[in-house]
């Protein structure tokens, strides 16, 4: 099931109900760096959802073993 909303772009719901989406690594800018209003963060990396979240088989939650 695809998920596209104000937080998630091209995410998906996997079996068991978990959301898999890209994750982002940011750095807070120093007080001298912002060039405009709300320019507080610098995107350093995008981690693909497949690397950011474990598969159900790798997970250790006993509740997921029911699926």
C-alpha atoms as a PDB file:
ATOM      1  CA  UNK A   1       0.000   0.000   0.000  1.00  0.00           C
ATOM      2  CA  UNK A   2       1.681   3.264  -1.073  1.00  0.00           C
ATOM      3  CA  UNK A   3       1.860   6.181   1.372  1.00  0.00           C
ATOM      4  CA  UNK A   4       2.235   9.798   0.271  1.00  0.00           C
ATOM      5  CA  UNK A   5       1.439  12.524   2.781  1.00  0.00           C
ATOM      6  CA  UNK A   6       3.066  15.652   4.227  1.00  0.00           C
ATOM      7  CA  UNK A   7       5.774  13.570   5.993  1.00  0.00           C
ATOM      8  CA  UNK A   8       6.176  10.485   3.818  1.00  0.00           C
ATOM      9  CA  UNK A   9       6.901  10.408   0.101  1.00  0.00           C
ATOM     10  CA  UNK A  10       6.733   7.066  -1.697  1.00  0.00           C
ATOM     11  CA  UNK A  11       6.521   5.082   1.536  1.00  0.00           C
ATOM     12  CA  UNK A  12       4.824   1.743   1.774  1.00  0.00           C
ATOM     13  CA  UNK A  13       3.056  -0.377   4.361  1.00  0.00           C
ATOM     14  CA  UNK A  14       4.565  -3.824   4.620  1.00  0.00           C
ATOM     15  CA  UNK A  15       2.944  -6.994   5.891  1.00  0.00           C
ATOM     16  CA  UNK A  16       2.355  -6.614   9.598  1.00  0.00           C
ATOM     17  CA  UNK A  17       1.502  -2.906   9.317  1.00  0.00           C
ATOM     18  CA  UNK A  18       4.983  -1.342   9.496  1.00  0.00           C
ATOM     19  CA  UNK A  19       5.698   1.785   7.457  1.00  0.00           C
ATOM     20  CA  UNK A  20       8.881   1.744   5.361  1.00  0.00           C
ATOM     21  CA  UNK A  21      10.037   5.172   4.185  1.00  0.00           C
ATOM     22  CA  UNK A  22      13.227   7.050   3.534  1.00  0.00           C
ATOM     23  CA  UNK A  23      14.914   8.599   6.567  1.00  0.00           C
ATOM     24  CA  UNK A  24      16.976  11.768   6.570  1.00  0.00           C
ATOM     25  CA  UNK A  25      20.086  12.934   8.382  1.00  0.00           C
ATOM     26  CA  UNK A  26      20.285  16.676   9.063  1.00  0.00           C
ATOM     27  CA  UNK A  27      22.752  19.059  10.642  1.00  0.00           C
ATOM     28  CA  UNK A  28      21.631  22.152  12.558  1.00  0.00           C
ATOM     29  CA  UNK A  29      23.224  25.207  10.998  1.00  0.00           C
ATOM     30  CA  UNK A  30      25.258  27.633  13.078  1.00  0.00           C
ATOM     31  CA  UNK A  31      23.653  31.005  13.814  1.00  0.00           C
ATOM     32  CA  UNK A  32      25.682  32.629  10.991  1.00  0.00           C
ATOM     33  CA  UNK A  33      24.639  30.203   8.225  1.00  0.00           C
ATOM     34  CA  UNK A  34      20.887  30.726   7.648  1.00  0.00           C
ATOM     35  CA  UNK A  35      20.160  32.842   4.585  1.00  0.00           C
ATOM     36  CA  UNK A  36      16.367  33.145   4.993  1.00  0.00           C
ATOM     37  CA  UNK A  37      13.603  32.537   7.543  1.00  0.00           C
ATOM     38  CA  UNK A  38      13.400  28.911   8.780  1.00  0.00           C
ATOM     39  CA  UNK A  39      16.725  27.992   7.110  1.00  0.00           C
ATOM     40  CA  UNK A  40      17.943  26.034  10.149  1.00  0.00           C
ATOM     41  CA  UNK A  41      18.945  22.621   8.815  1.00  0.00           C
ATOM     42  CA  UNK A  42      21.266  21.174   6.187  1.00  0.00           C
ATOM     43  CA  UNK A  43      20.375  17.805   4.668  1.00  0.00           C
ATOM     44  CA  UNK A  44      23.419  15.527   4.931  1.00  0.00           C
ATOM     45  CA  UNK A  45      22.079  12.190   3.732  1.00  0.00           C
ATOM     46  CA  UNK A  46      18.991  10.285   2.641  1.00  0.00           C
ATOM     47  CA  UNK A  47      18.815   6.702   3.874  1.00  0.00           C
ATOM     48  CA  UNK A  48      16.573   4.485   1.704  1.00  0.00           C
ATOM     49  CA  UNK A  49      13.747   2.811   3.622  1.00  0.00           C
ATOM     50  CA  UNK A  50      15.060  -0.655   2.780  1.00  0.00           C
ATOM     51  CA  UNK A  51      18.309   0.179   4.626  1.00  0.00           C
ATOM     52  CA  UNK A  52      16.738   2.224   7.431  1.00  0.00           C
ATOM     53  CA  UNK A  53      14.336  -0.472   8.645  1.00  0.00           C
ATOM     54  CA  UNK A  54      14.864  -4.148   9.365  1.00  0.00           C
ATOM     55  CA  UNK A  55      12.834  -6.730   7.552  1.00  0.00           C
ATOM     56  CA  UNK A  56      10.263  -8.664   9.546  1.00  0.00           C
ATOM     57  CA  UNK A  57      12.542 -11.689   9.431  1.00  0.00           C
ATOM     58  CA  UNK A  58      15.383  -9.677  11.025  1.00  0.00           C
ATOM     59  CA  UNK A  59      13.144  -8.159  13.685  1.00  0.00           C
ATOM     60  CA  UNK A  60      13.049  -9.543  17.192  1.00  0.00           C
ATOM     61  CA  UNK A  61       9.538  -8.501  18.196  1.00  0.00           C
ATOM     62  CA  UNK A  62       7.543 -11.597  19.237  1.00  0.00           C
ATOM     63  CA  UNK A  63       4.290  -9.966  18.107  1.00  0.00           C
ATOM     64  CA  UNK A  64       5.533  -9.807  14.497  1.00  0.00           C
ATOM     65  CA  UNK A  65       6.165 -13.529  14.437  1.00  0.00           C
ATOM     66  CA  UNK A  66       2.376 -14.022  14.274  1.00  0.00           C
ATOM     67  CA  UNK A  67       2.226 -12.608  10.716  1.00  0.00           C
END
